[in-house]
Each structure stands twice: as structure tokens, then as C-alpha cells.
Amino acid sequence: MADFALPPKLTLVEARAVHAQLEAAAKAGGAQAWSVQAAALAQFDTSALAVLLAARRLGAQAVLGPPAKLKALAELYGVAELLELQPPT
């Protein structure tokens, strides 16, 4: 599977649909290594953390290019290490 790109907006309203897209992409991709591209994220809430944790459970290797505010939110909630937040490659 190619990397999964998050949309610019990921709040509670969008979380269910993005999670469903993520699950479908992960299942379709099989065992191929993949990561989540978060660089486009501009508007988000804690629902984004839930989606990213689900991505890790589904096999995402890391979260690439997270905005600074997402990093801060993940650190506040104590999940930054679990998400493998990394700068873009």
C-alpha cells in the first residue's frame, strides 16, 4: 500500500469516514509497509489522534510530517511515542 494521506481537516465530523478509508486502504494494501502522511492536516481535534492510533494498529509504520500543533497534542495526551511522529521524508 502507498502511504495514506490525511485530509486537511480531521475532526470528529470527518473521523469516522477517514477511519473507514484508512481501514479499506490497509486491507487492500496487504503486507506492504506504509505510513500516514499528515503534512496536509491544517484543522484537527483529538479525533485525529484516535484515527492515527487506529492507523498504527492497522500496521502504519509512522506518521510523517505532522504539524507542530499535532505533535504538541500527541505529547499532551502521552501518545507521541506510540504514533512514531517523524518529519517528512
Protein backbone atom coordinates (compact mmCIF):
# COMPACT_ATOMS: atom_id res chain seq x y z
CA MET A 1 0.00 0.00 0.00
CA ALA A 2 1.21 3.50 -0.74
CA ASP A 3 1.29 5.94 2.13
CA PHE A 4 -2.13 7.09 3.36
CA ALA A 5 -2.57 10.89 3.18
CA LEU A 6 -4.77 12.57 5.75
CA PRO A 7 -7.15 15.30 4.57
CA PRO A 8 -6.64 18.96 5.54
CA LYS A 9 -9.49 18.73 8.06
CA LEU A 10 -9.85 15.86 10.54
CA THR A 11 -12.29 16.50 13.35
CA LEU A 12 -14.98 14.40 14.97
CA VAL A 13 -17.21 15.10 11.96
CA GLU A 14 -14.71 13.56 9.49
CA ALA A 15 -13.11 10.93 11.73
CA ARG A 16 -15.50 8.05 11.01
CA ALA A 17 -15.19 8.41 7.23
CA VAL A 18 -11.40 8.83 7.33
CA HIS A 19 -11.11 5.79 9.59
CA ALA A 20 -13.19 3.73 7.15
CA GLN A 21 -10.99 4.88 4.24
CA LEU A 22 -7.91 4.01 6.24
CA GLU A 23 -9.18 0.51 7.04
CA ALA A 24 -10.09 -0.15 3.41
CA ALA A 25 -6.69 1.07 2.18
CA ALA A 26 -4.83 -1.01 4.77
CA LYS A 27 -6.76 -4.16 3.84
CA ALA A 28 -6.26 -3.57 0.12
CA GLY A 29 -2.54 -2.96 0.58
CA GLY A 30 -1.77 -6.31 2.16
CA ALA A 31 1.56 -6.71 3.93
CA GLN A 32 3.37 -3.87 2.17
CA ALA A 33 4.95 -1.30 4.55
CA TRP A 34 3.17 2.04 4.71
CA SER A 35 2.98 5.25 6.72
CA VAL A 36 0.50 8.04 7.27
CA GLN A 37 1.22 11.39 5.61
CA ALA A 38 -0.02 14.14 7.93
CA ALA A 39 1.54 17.21 6.29
CA ALA A 40 -1.78 18.43 4.84
CA LEU A 41 -3.50 18.49 8.23
CA ALA A 42 -4.50 22.06 8.99
CA GLN A 43 -7.63 21.73 11.13
CA PHE A 44 -8.00 18.87 13.61
CA ASP A 45 -9.04 17.90 17.10
CA THR A 46 -8.38 14.92 19.35
CA SER A 47 -10.27 12.72 16.91
CA ALA A 48 -7.18 12.91 14.70
CA LEU A 49 -5.21 11.17 17.45
CA ALA A 50 -7.78 8.38 17.55
CA VAL A 51 -7.52 7.92 13.77
CA LEU A 52 -3.72 7.89 13.95
CA LEU A 53 -3.72 5.33 16.75
CA ALA A 54 -6.04 3.18 14.63
CA ALA A 55 -3.59 3.55 11.74
CA ARG A 56 -0.77 2.24 13.91
CA ARG A 57 -2.94 -0.73 14.97
CA LEU A 58 -3.62 -1.41 11.28
CA GLY A 59 0.10 -1.51 10.55
CA ALA A 60 1.24 2.03 9.74
CA GLN A 61 4.98 2.31 10.33
CA ALA A 62 4.94 6.01 11.27
CA VAL A 63 3.17 9.35 10.95
CA LEU A 64 5.15 11.57 8.57
CA GLY A 65 5.15 15.36 8.53
CA PRO A 66 2.80 16.07 11.43
CA PRO A 67 2.12 19.75 12.10
CA ALA A 68 3.64 21.19 15.28
CA LYS A 69 0.22 21.50 16.93
CA LEU A 70 -0.48 17.82 16.30
CA LYS A 71 2.85 16.90 17.88
CA ALA A 72 2.01 19.06 20.89
CA LEU A 73 -1.44 17.47 21.22
CA ALA A 74 0.04 13.96 20.99
CA GLU A 75 2.61 14.83 23.66
CA LEU A 76 -0.12 16.30 25.90
CA TYR A 77 -2.10 13.05 25.63
CA GLY A 78 1.02 10.90 26.07
CA VAL A 79 0.76 9.14 22.71
CA ALA A 80 3.56 10.79 20.70
CA GLU A 81 5.88 7.79 21.03
CA LEU A 82 3.10 5.37 20.08
CA LEU A 83 2.42 7.33 16.89
CA GLU A 84 6.06 7.38 15.70
CA LEU A 85 5.78 11.04 14.68
CA GLN A 86 8.51 11.85 12.14
CA PRO A 87 9.40 14.80 9.92
CA PRO A 88 8.53 14.40 6.23
CA THR A 89 10.98 12.39 4.13
